[in-house]
Amino acid sequence: MNVVAKPKIAKNVWNYLLLSVLALVVLAPFFIGLWTSFLPTMQIAKGNFLSTDLSFQNYVDAFTQTPILHYLGNSLVISTVTMFAQLLFCSMSAYAFVFLDFKYKRSLFVLVLATMMLPFEAEIIPNFSTVKAMGLLNSYSVMIIPFLTSAFGIFMLRQSFKQMPAELKEAADIEGLGHLQFYWRIVMPYNRISLITLGAYSFLGAWNQYLWPMLTTFSNSFRPVQNGLRQLQSEETFNDWGMIQATAAIVVIPTLIVLFVGQHYFKSGANEGAVK
């Protein structure tokens, strides 16, 4: 028994060692950036990253000397509206594909899935031409309307809805519930974990967008936080690297909050939305 146990222990030790090394590689840049955000710019310029001269002055300067709060507000508005729009439209589309019978339903669903194979970069030129012709450039609308729904969200919620017991629909029909009542009172609460998962994904996706806002926004009034941070770094007068690190840390905080709070739902939602 000991002979069998030793290789197993050695394998576990090796696995944990490998995971620890990979975790260090992934997390080291984040912790280095967080540490330097508390250092004075002079210490960073000298390369003295082990200095213990730490303070919150960089964060105070970031909030008082830059429009970071305005950028955060823009991103919050864009991400929140996009999240709720995708929850509504993706869930309604998934409901139609599961509980309604109509002609070419399967073909339409295959067409929706086919759009997932197109990289976003391939859609930029036609999307830009469309929003320009509609006069939506440099506004909140240009960063929300193209992302009101998601093929991935429709697919995930469809798979989740298909796992609902058929008895629920039969009981709803007996009670005389219409499609809207069944959708709102039964389907949505029953699949809340998948909905929370999709909400977190869509929020983070909108929050971390960079390329599309860079092409479609031209002023600080509508610029989201990712592009706002890049704008601050490109300004000639903005050479305070301690403040740059502080603003970068501030930008990451909402993402970390969503990930830590929703990590349980990410796992559960992925399981619920999996193909049987």
C-alpha atoms as a PDB file:
ATOM      1  CA  MET A   1       0.000   0.000   0.000  1.00  0.00           C
ATOM      2  CA  ASN A   2       2.869   2.361   0.782  1.00  0.00           C
ATOM      3  CA  VAL A   3       4.416   1.574  -2.598  1.00  0.00           C
ATOM      4  CA  VAL A   4       1.208   2.685  -4.320  1.00  0.00           C
ATOM      5  CA  ALA A   5       0.787   5.756  -2.129  1.00  0.00           C
ATOM      6  CA  LYS A   6       4.281   7.177  -2.716  1.00  0.00           C
ATOM      7  CA  PRO A   7       3.892   7.740  -6.489  1.00  0.00           C
ATOM      8  CA  LYS A   8       0.501   9.313  -5.840  1.00  0.00           C
ATOM      9  CA  ILE A   9       1.948  11.692  -3.233  1.00  0.00           C
ATOM     10  CA  ALA A  10       4.835  12.556  -5.533  1.00  0.00           C
ATOM     11  CA  LYS A  11       2.379  13.270  -8.360  1.00  0.00           C
ATOM     12  CA  ASN A  12       0.300  15.541  -6.109  1.00  0.00           C
ATOM     13  CA  VAL A  13       3.411  17.407  -4.973  1.00  0.00           C
ATOM     14  CA  TRP A  14       4.452  17.927  -8.576  1.00  0.00           C
ATOM     15  CA  ASN A  15       0.972  19.113  -9.570  1.00  0.00           C
ATOM     16  CA  TYR A  16       0.776  21.616  -6.710  1.00  0.00           C
ATOM     17  CA  LEU A  17       4.306  22.847  -7.453  1.00  0.00           C
ATOM     18  CA  LEU A  18       3.413  23.401 -11.101  1.00  0.00           C
ATOM     19  CA  LEU A  19       0.172  25.200 -10.155  1.00  0.00           C
ATOM     20  CA  SER A  20       2.072  27.390  -7.704  1.00  0.00           C
ATOM     21  CA  VAL A  21       4.609  28.397 -10.368  1.00  0.00           C
ATOM     22  CA  LEU A  22       1.850  29.179 -12.870  1.00  0.00           C
ATOM     23  CA  ALA A  23      -0.075  31.184 -10.246  1.00  0.00           C
ATOM     24  CA  LEU A  24       3.073  33.155  -9.473  1.00  0.00           C
ATOM     25  CA  VAL A  25       3.641  33.919 -13.155  1.00  0.00           C
ATOM     26  CA  VAL A  26       0.034  35.086 -13.588  1.00  0.00           C
ATOM     27  CA  LEU A  27      -0.297  37.078 -10.348  1.00  0.00           C
ATOM     28  CA  ALA A  28       3.200  38.584 -10.120  1.00  0.00           C
ATOM     29  CA  PRO A  29       2.538  41.464 -12.589  1.00  0.00           C
ATOM     30  CA  PHE A  30      -0.652  42.382 -10.749  1.00  0.00           C
ATOM     31  CA  PHE A  31       0.997  42.474  -7.317  1.00  0.00           C
ATOM     32  CA  ILE A  32       4.010  44.373  -8.686  1.00  0.00           C
ATOM     33  CA  GLY A  33       1.679  46.961 -10.217  1.00  0.00           C
ATOM     34  CA  LEU A  34      -0.324  47.210  -6.996  1.00  0.00           C
ATOM     35  CA  TRP A  35       2.860  47.639  -4.943  1.00  0.00           C
ATOM     36  CA  THR A  36       4.268  50.360  -7.199  1.00  0.00           C
ATOM     37  CA  SER A  37       0.963  52.241  -7.050  1.00  0.00           C
ATOM     38  CA  PHE A  38       1.860  53.112  -3.431  1.00  0.00           C
ATOM     39  CA  LEU A  39       5.410  54.251  -4.277  1.00  0.00           C
ATOM     40  CA  PRO A  40       6.449  57.837  -5.071  1.00  0.00           C
ATOM     41  CA  THR A  41       7.291  58.469  -8.710  1.00  0.00           C
ATOM     42  CA  MET A  42      10.878  59.307  -7.766  1.00  0.00           C
ATOM     43  CA  GLN A  43      11.398  55.839  -6.296  1.00  0.00           C
ATOM     44  CA  ILE A  44       9.895  54.216  -9.401  1.00  0.00           C
ATOM     45  CA  ALA A  45      12.142  56.292 -11.693  1.00  0.00           C
ATOM     46  CA  LYS A  46      15.180  55.146  -9.720  1.00  0.00           C
ATOM     47  CA  GLY A  47      14.068  51.516 -10.000  1.00  0.00           C
ATOM     48  CA  ASN A  48      13.832  51.253  -6.231  1.00  0.00           C
ATOM     49  CA  PHE A  49      10.800  48.976  -6.180  1.00  0.00           C
ATOM     50  CA  LEU A  50      11.667  47.559  -2.767  1.00  0.00           C
ATOM     51  CA  SER A  51      11.262  50.915  -1.073  1.00  0.00           C
ATOM     52  CA  THR A  52       9.069  50.977   2.011  1.00  0.00           C
ATOM     53  CA  ASP A  53       8.125  54.631   1.471  1.00  0.00           C
ATOM     54  CA  LEU A  54       4.466  53.791   0.839  1.00  0.00           C
ATOM     55  CA  SER A  55       1.493  56.168   0.863  1.00  0.00           C
ATOM     56  CA  PHE A  56      -1.966  56.701  -0.613  1.00  0.00           C
ATOM     57  CA  GLN A  57      -0.940  60.001  -2.201  1.00  0.00           C
ATOM     58  CA  ASN A  58      -0.973  58.531  -5.710  1.00  0.00           C
ATOM     59  CA  TYR A  59      -4.608  57.534  -5.257  1.00  0.00           C
ATOM     60  CA  VAL A  60      -5.514  60.952  -3.881  1.00  0.00           C
ATOM     61  CA  ASP A  61      -3.829  62.589  -6.871  1.00  0.00           C
ATOM     62  CA  ALA A  62      -5.568  60.201  -9.286  1.00  0.00           C
ATOM     63  CA  PHE A  63      -8.992  61.194  -7.990  1.00  0.00           C
ATOM     64  CA  THR A  64      -8.259  64.913  -7.707  1.00  0.00           C
ATOM     65  CA  GLN A  65      -6.043  65.596 -10.734  1.00  0.00           C
ATOM     66  CA  THR A  66      -7.506  63.308 -13.407  1.00  0.00           C
ATOM     67  CA  PRO A  67     -11.047  62.676 -14.731  1.00  0.00           C
ATOM     68  CA  ILE A  68     -10.849  59.031 -13.640  1.00  0.00           C
ATOM     69  CA  LEU A  69     -14.183  59.250 -11.778  1.00  0.00           C
ATOM     70  CA  HIS A  70     -15.878  60.505 -14.938  1.00  0.00           C
ATOM     71  CA  TYR A  71     -14.347  57.640 -16.930  1.00  0.00           C
ATOM     72  CA  LEU A  72     -15.522  55.163 -14.291  1.00  0.00           C
ATOM     73  CA  GLY A  73     -19.020  56.622 -14.453  1.00  0.00           C
ATOM     74  CA  ASN A  74     -19.072  56.275 -18.249  1.00  0.00           C
ATOM     75  CA  SER A  75     -17.970  52.642 -18.054  1.00  0.00           C
ATOM     76  CA  LEU A  76     -20.500  51.914 -15.317  1.00  0.00           C
ATOM     77  CA  VAL A  77     -23.366  53.315 -17.403  1.00  0.00           C
ATOM     78  CA  ILE A  78     -22.282  51.476 -20.557  1.00  0.00           C
ATOM     79  CA  SER A  79     -21.627  48.158 -18.800  1.00  0.00           C
ATOM     80  CA  THR A  80     -24.835  48.221 -16.744  1.00  0.00           C
ATOM     81  CA  VAL A  81     -27.116  49.067 -19.685  1.00  0.00           C
ATOM     82  CA  THR A  82     -25.389  46.460 -21.866  1.00  0.00           C
ATOM     83  CA  MET A  83     -25.743  43.834 -19.138  1.00  0.00           C
ATOM     84  CA  PHE A  84     -29.480  44.348 -18.630  1.00  0.00           C
ATOM     85  CA  ALA A  85     -30.101  44.563 -22.377  1.00  0.00           C
ATOM     86  CA  GLN A  86     -28.345  41.248 -22.995  1.00  0.00           C
ATOM     87  CA  LEU A  87     -30.192  39.593 -20.114  1.00  0.00           C
ATOM     88  CA  LEU A  88     -33.517  40.714 -21.587  1.00  0.00           C
ATOM     89  CA  PHE A  89     -32.945  40.060 -25.281  1.00  0.00           C
ATOM     90  CA  CYS A  90     -30.888  36.869 -24.882  1.00  0.00           C
ATOM     91  CA  SER A  91     -33.423  35.348 -22.488  1.00  0.00           C
ATOM     92  CA  MET A  92     -36.341  36.248 -24.777  1.00  0.00           C
ATOM     93  CA  SER A  93     -34.558  34.767 -27.782  1.00  0.00           C
ATOM     94  CA  ALA A  94     -33.634  31.618 -25.862  1.00  0.00           C
ATOM     95  CA  TYR A  95     -37.244  31.277 -24.693  1.00  0.00           C
ATOM     96  CA  ALA A  96     -38.471  31.472 -28.271  1.00  0.00           C
ATOM     97  CA  PHE A  97     -36.027  28.798 -29.422  1.00  0.00           C
ATOM     98  CA  VAL A  98     -37.075  26.439 -26.608  1.00  0.00           C
ATOM     99  CA  PHE A  99     -40.793  26.964 -25.951  1.00  0.00           C
ATOM    100  CA  LEU A 100     -42.189  28.331 -29.226  1.00  0.00           C
ATOM    101  CA  ASP A 101     -42.787  26.429 -32.439  1.00  0.00           C
ATOM    102  CA  PHE A 102     -42.231  28.337 -35.648  1.00  0.00           C
ATOM    103  CA  LYS A 103     -40.942  27.673 -39.129  1.00  0.00           C
ATOM    104  CA  TYR A 104     -37.183  27.423 -39.660  1.00  0.00           C
ATOM    105  CA  LYS A 105     -36.519  27.535 -35.902  1.00  0.00           C
ATOM    106  CA  ARG A 106     -33.573  25.162 -36.106  1.00  0.00           C
ATOM    107  CA  SER A 107     -32.103  26.941 -39.135  1.00  0.00           C
ATOM    108  CA  LEU A 108     -32.331  30.312 -37.414  1.00  0.00           C
ATOM    109  CA  PHE A 109     -30.604  28.943 -34.330  1.00  0.00           C
ATOM    110  CA  VAL A 110     -27.789  27.544 -36.492  1.00  0.00           C
ATOM    111  CA  LEU A 111     -27.489  30.989 -38.073  1.00  0.00           C
ATOM    112  CA  VAL A 112     -27.186  32.563 -34.617  1.00  0.00           C
ATOM    113  CA  LEU A 113     -24.440  30.092 -33.723  1.00  0.00           C
ATOM    114  CA  ALA A 114     -22.651  30.841 -36.988  1.00  0.00           C
ATOM    115  CA  THR A 115     -22.216  34.470 -35.924  1.00  0.00           C
ATOM    116  CA  MET A 116     -20.078  33.245 -33.005  1.00  0.00           C
ATOM    117  CA  MET A 117     -17.467  32.112 -35.526  1.00  0.00           C
ATOM    118  CA  LEU A 118     -16.929  35.664 -36.799  1.00  0.00           C
ATOM    119  CA  PRO A 119     -14.212  37.541 -34.901  1.00  0.00           C
ATOM    120  CA  PHE A 120     -15.267  40.978 -33.734  1.00  0.00           C
ATOM    121  CA  GLU A 121     -12.434  42.540 -35.749  1.00  0.00           C
ATOM    122  CA  ALA A 122     -14.112  41.317 -38.940  1.00  0.00           C
ATOM    123  CA  GLU A 123     -17.285  43.204 -38.025  1.00  0.00           C
ATOM    124  CA  ILE A 124     -15.665  46.526 -37.152  1.00  0.00           C
ATOM    125  CA  ILE A 125     -15.759  48.153 -40.609  1.00  0.00           C
ATOM    126  CA  PRO A 126     -19.448  47.402 -41.400  1.00  0.00           C
ATOM    127  CA  ASN A 127     -20.454  48.263 -37.822  1.00  0.00           C
ATOM    128  CA  PHE A 128     -18.524  51.535 -37.944  1.00  0.00           C
ATOM    129  CA  SER A 129     -20.063  52.461 -41.296  1.00  0.00           C
ATOM    130  CA  THR A 130     -23.527  51.724 -39.907  1.00  0.00           C
ATOM    131  CA  VAL A 131     -23.211  53.770 -36.710  1.00  0.00           C
ATOM    132  CA  LYS A 132     -21.576  56.627 -38.619  1.00  0.00           C
ATOM    133  CA  ALA A 133     -24.459  56.724 -41.090  1.00  0.00           C
ATOM    134  CA  MET A 134     -26.879  56.755 -38.124  1.00  0.00           C
ATOM    135  CA  GLY A 135     -25.032  59.668 -36.509  1.00  0.00           C
ATOM    136  CA  LEU A 136     -24.245  57.748 -33.326  1.00  0.00           C
ATOM    137  CA  LEU A 137     -20.513  58.414 -33.103  1.00  0.00           C
ATOM    138  CA  ASN A 138     -19.155  59.849 -29.850  1.00  0.00           C
ATOM    139  CA  SER A 139     -22.164  58.907 -27.711  1.00  0.00           C
ATOM    140  CA  TYR A 140     -23.239  56.252 -25.232  1.00  0.00           C
ATOM    141  CA  SER A 141     -25.452  54.698 -27.904  1.00  0.00           C
ATOM    142  CA  VAL A 142     -22.549  53.764 -30.156  1.00  0.00           C
ATOM    143  CA  MET A 143     -21.043  51.636 -27.385  1.00  0.00           C
ATOM    144  CA  ILE A 144     -24.320  50.013 -26.338  1.00  0.00           C
ATOM    145  CA  ILE A 145     -26.474  49.354 -29.423  1.00  0.00           C
ATOM    146  CA  PRO A 146     -24.027  46.985 -31.229  1.00  0.00           C
ATOM    147  CA  PHE A 147     -23.906  44.825 -28.071  1.00  0.00           C
ATOM    148  CA  LEU A 148     -27.579  44.687 -27.082  1.00  0.00           C
ATOM    149  CA  THR A 149     -27.589  40.930 -27.586  1.00  0.00           C
ATOM    150  CA  SER A 150     -25.088  38.094 -27.756  1.00  0.00           C
ATOM    151  CA  ALA A 151     -25.039  34.804 -29.662  1.00  0.00           C
ATOM    152  CA  PHE A 152     -23.158  33.221 -26.765  1.00  0.00           C
ATOM    153  CA  GLY A 153     -25.795  34.437 -24.319  1.00  0.00           C
ATOM    154  CA  ILE A 154     -28.627  33.053 -26.457  1.00  0.00           C
ATOM    155  CA  PHE A 155     -26.859  29.702 -26.736  1.00  0.00           C
ATOM    156  CA  MET A 156     -26.088  29.439 -23.013  1.00  0.00           C
ATOM    157  CA  LEU A 157     -29.600  30.360 -21.888  1.00  0.00           C
ATOM    158  CA  ARG A 158     -31.183  28.069 -24.493  1.00  0.00           C
ATOM    159  CA  GLN A 159     -29.240  25.128 -23.119  1.00  0.00           C
ATOM    160  CA  SER A 160     -30.244  26.109 -19.587  1.00  0.00           C
ATOM    161  CA  PHE A 161     -33.932  26.505 -20.498  1.00  0.00           C
ATOM    162  CA  LYS A 162     -33.950  23.105 -22.223  1.00  0.00           C
ATOM    163  CA  GLN A 163     -33.036  21.445 -18.930  1.00  0.00           C
ATOM    164  CA  MET A 164     -36.210  22.659 -17.229  1.00  0.00           C
ATOM    165  CA  PRO A 165     -38.667  19.864 -16.396  1.00  0.00           C
ATOM    166  CA  ALA A 166     -41.417  19.547 -18.990  1.00  0.00           C
ATOM    167  CA  GLU A 167     -43.930  19.295 -16.129  1.00  0.00           C
ATOM    168  CA  LEU A 168     -43.424  22.991 -15.367  1.00  0.00           C
ATOM    169  CA  LYS A 169     -44.673  24.006 -18.825  1.00  0.00           C
ATOM    170  CA  GLU A 170     -47.569  21.558 -18.609  1.00  0.00           C
ATOM    171  CA  ALA A 171     -48.583  22.883 -15.203  1.00  0.00           C
ATOM    172  CA  ALA A 172     -48.367  26.467 -16.498  1.00  0.00           C
ATOM    173  CA  ASP A 173     -50.608  25.594 -19.424  1.00  0.00           C
ATOM    174  CA  ILE A 174     -53.133  23.996 -17.075  1.00  0.00           C
ATOM    175  CA  GLU A 175     -53.108  27.124 -14.887  1.00  0.00           C
ATOM    176  CA  GLY A 176     -53.737  29.238 -17.960  1.00  0.00           C
ATOM    177  CA  LEU A 177     -50.426  31.114 -17.899  1.00  0.00           C
ATOM    178  CA  GLY A 178     -49.523  32.834 -21.137  1.00  0.00           C
ATOM    179  CA  HIS A 179     -46.045  32.871 -22.610  1.00  0.00           C
ATOM    180  CA  LEU A 180     -45.138  36.197 -21.013  1.00  0.00           C
ATOM    181  CA  GLN A 181     -46.322  35.072 -17.558  1.00  0.00           C
ATOM    182  CA  PHE A 182     -44.540  31.729 -17.846  1.00  0.00           C
ATOM    183  CA  TYR A 183     -41.361  33.479 -19.023  1.00  0.00           C
ATOM    184  CA  TRP A 184     -41.332  36.055 -16.219  1.00  0.00           C
ATOM    185  CA  ARG A 185     -42.740  34.056 -13.282  1.00  0.00           C
ATOM    186  CA  ILE A 186     -41.307  30.587 -13.938  1.00  0.00           C
ATOM    187  CA  VAL A 187     -38.465  30.530 -16.457  1.00  0.00           C
ATOM    188  CA  MET A 188     -36.504  33.535 -15.221  1.00  0.00           C
ATOM    189  CA  PRO A 189     -36.465  32.632 -11.473  1.00  0.00           C
ATOM    190  CA  TYR A 190     -35.756  28.968 -12.233  1.00  0.00           C
ATOM    191  CA  ASN A 191     -32.664  29.883 -14.299  1.00  0.00           C
ATOM    192  CA  ARG A 192     -31.380  32.706 -12.086  1.00  0.00           C
ATOM    193  CA  ILE A 193     -27.874  31.201 -11.774  1.00  0.00           C
ATOM    194  CA  SER A 194     -27.406  31.123 -15.541  1.00  0.00           C
ATOM    195  CA  LEU A 195     -28.778  34.665 -15.750  1.00  0.00           C
ATOM    196  CA  ILE A 196     -26.354  35.892 -13.079  1.00  0.00           C
ATOM    197  CA  THR A 197     -23.509  34.202 -14.954  1.00  0.00           C
ATOM    198  CA  LEU A 198     -24.479  35.835 -18.245  1.00  0.00           C
ATOM    199  CA  GLY A 199     -24.883  39.183 -16.487  1.00  0.00           C
ATOM    200  CA  ALA A 200     -21.375  38.970 -15.059  1.00  0.00           C
ATOM    201  CA  TYR A 201     -19.893  37.947 -18.417  1.00  0.00           C
ATOM    202  CA  SER A 202     -21.647  40.747 -20.293  1.00  0.00           C
ATOM    203  CA  PHE A 203     -20.739  43.341 -17.645  1.00  0.00           C
ATOM    204  CA  LEU A 204     -17.054  42.391 -17.732  1.00  0.00           C
ATOM    205  CA  GLY A 205     -17.063  42.234 -21.526  1.00  0.00           C
ATOM    206  CA  ALA A 206     -18.446  45.761 -21.791  1.00  0.00           C
ATOM    207  CA  TRP A 207     -16.177  47.049 -19.021  1.00  0.00           C
ATOM    208  CA  ASN A 208     -13.002  45.734 -20.659  1.00  0.00           C
ATOM    209  CA  GLN A 209     -13.739  46.895 -24.200  1.00  0.00           C
ATOM    210  CA  TYR A 210     -10.936  48.912 -25.737  1.00  0.00           C
ATOM    211  CA  LEU A 211     -10.832  48.788 -29.546  1.00  0.00           C
ATOM    212  CA  TRP A 212     -14.437  49.739 -30.328  1.00  0.00           C
ATOM    213  CA  PRO A 213     -14.598  52.747 -27.936  1.00  0.00           C
ATOM    214  CA  MET A 214     -11.223  53.914 -29.234  1.00  0.00           C
ATOM    215  CA  LEU A 215     -12.662  54.083 -32.772  1.00  0.00           C
ATOM    216  CA  THR A 216     -16.036  55.602 -31.911  1.00  0.00           C
ATOM    217  CA  THR A 217     -15.432  58.091 -29.061  1.00  0.00           C
ATOM    218  CA  PHE A 218     -13.477  61.322 -29.384  1.00  0.00           C
ATOM    219  CA  SER A 219     -14.055  63.207 -26.121  1.00  0.00           C
ATOM    220  CA  ASN A 220     -13.832  62.627 -22.374  1.00  0.00           C
ATOM    221  CA  SER A 221     -17.594  63.097 -22.094  1.00  0.00           C
ATOM    222  CA  PHE A 222     -18.244  59.556 -23.373  1.00  0.00           C
ATOM    223  CA  ARG A 223     -14.842  57.871 -23.188  1.00  0.00           C
ATOM    224  CA  PRO A 224     -14.893  54.689 -21.006  1.00  0.00           C
ATOM    225  CA  VAL A 225     -12.286  53.967 -18.393  1.00  0.00           C
ATOM    226  CA  GLN A 226     -10.018  51.689 -20.462  1.00  0.00           C
ATOM    227  CA  ASN A 227      -9.599  54.308 -23.164  1.00  0.00           C
ATOM    228  CA  GLY A 228      -9.523  57.085 -20.590  1.00  0.00           C
ATOM    229  CA  LEU A 229      -6.538  55.471 -18.911  1.00  0.00           C
ATOM    230  CA  ARG A 230      -4.784  55.181 -22.267  1.00  0.00           C
ATOM    231  CA  GLN A 231      -5.560  58.837 -22.948  1.00  0.00           C
ATOM    232  CA  LEU A 232      -4.012  59.847 -19.643  1.00  0.00           C
ATOM    233  CA  GLN A 233      -0.866  57.863 -20.393  1.00  0.00           C
ATOM    234  CA  SER A 234      -0.502  59.518 -23.815  1.00  0.00           C
ATOM    235  CA  GLU A 235      -0.611  63.051 -22.460  1.00  0.00           C
ATOM    236  CA  GLU A 236       2.805  64.690 -22.467  1.00  0.00           C
ATOM    237  CA  THR A 237       2.306  66.195 -19.021  1.00  0.00           C
ATOM    238  CA  PHE A 238       1.230  62.903 -17.502  1.00  0.00           C
ATOM    239  CA  ASN A 239       4.601  61.453 -16.453  1.00  0.00           C
ATOM    240  CA  ASP A 240       3.707  60.676 -12.868  1.00  0.00           C
ATOM    241  CA  TRP A 241       4.151  56.900 -13.007  1.00  0.00           C
ATOM    242  CA  GLY A 242       2.982  56.434  -9.454  1.00  0.00           C
ATOM    243  CA  MET A 243      -0.321  58.058 -10.385  1.00  0.00           C
ATOM    244  CA  ILE A 244      -0.532  55.973 -13.560  1.00  0.00           C
ATOM    245  CA  GLN A 245      -0.200  52.787 -11.511  1.00  0.00           C
ATOM    246  CA  ALA A 246      -2.814  54.043  -9.067  1.00  0.00           C
ATOM    247  CA  THR A 247      -5.319  54.770 -11.849  1.00  0.00           C
ATOM    248  CA  ALA A 248      -4.650  51.332 -13.362  1.00  0.00           C
ATOM    249  CA  ALA A 249      -5.335  49.706  -9.986  1.00  0.00           C
ATOM    250  CA  ILE A 250      -8.573  51.690  -9.638  1.00  0.00           C
ATOM    251  CA  VAL A 251      -9.699  50.475 -13.066  1.00  0.00           C
ATOM    252  CA  VAL A 252      -9.103  46.821 -12.111  1.00  0.00           C
ATOM    253  CA  ILE A 253     -11.018  46.969  -8.805  1.00  0.00           C
ATOM    254  CA  PRO A 254     -14.579  46.648 -10.258  1.00  0.00           C
ATOM    255  CA  THR A 255     -13.470  43.682 -12.371  1.00  0.00           C
ATOM    256  CA  LEU A 256     -12.029  41.917  -9.325  1.00  0.00           C
ATOM    257  CA  ILE A 257     -15.194  42.575  -7.319  1.00  0.00           C
ATOM    258  CA  VAL A 258     -17.396  41.028 -10.029  1.00  0.00           C
ATOM    259  CA  LEU A 259     -15.077  38.024 -10.368  1.00  0.00           C
ATOM    260  CA  PHE A 260     -14.789  37.326  -6.650  1.00  0.00           C
ATOM    261  CA  VAL A 261     -18.490  37.797  -5.963  1.00  0.00           C
ATOM    262  CA  GLY A 262     -19.593  35.830  -9.014  1.00  0.00           C
ATOM    263  CA  GLN A 263     -17.043  33.017  -9.109  1.00  0.00           C
ATOM    264  CA  HIS A 264     -19.542  30.552  -7.617  1.00  0.00           C
ATOM    265  CA  TYR A 265     -22.147  31.526 -10.195  1.00  0.00           C
ATOM    266  CA  PHE A 266     -19.629  31.264 -13.040  1.00  0.00           C
ATOM    267  CA  LYS A 267     -19.074  27.602 -12.216  1.00  0.00           C
ATOM    268  CA  SER A 268     -22.713  26.785 -11.514  1.00  0.00           C
ATOM    269  CA  GLY A 269     -23.934  28.669 -14.573  1.00  0.00           C
ATOM    270  CA  ALA A 270     -21.459  26.903 -16.835  1.00  0.00           C
ATOM    271  CA  ASN A 271     -22.716  23.553 -15.517  1.00  0.00           C
ATOM    272  CA  GLU A 272     -26.354  24.545 -15.951  1.00  0.00           C
ATOM    273  CA  GLY A 273     -25.776  25.758 -19.480  1.00  0.00           C
ATOM    274  CA  ALA A 274     -23.781  22.715 -20.565  1.00  0.00           C
ATOM    275  CA  VAL A 275     -25.066  20.431 -23.257  1.00  0.00           C
ATOM    276  CA  LYS A 276     -26.634  17.275 -21.872  1.00  0.00           C
END
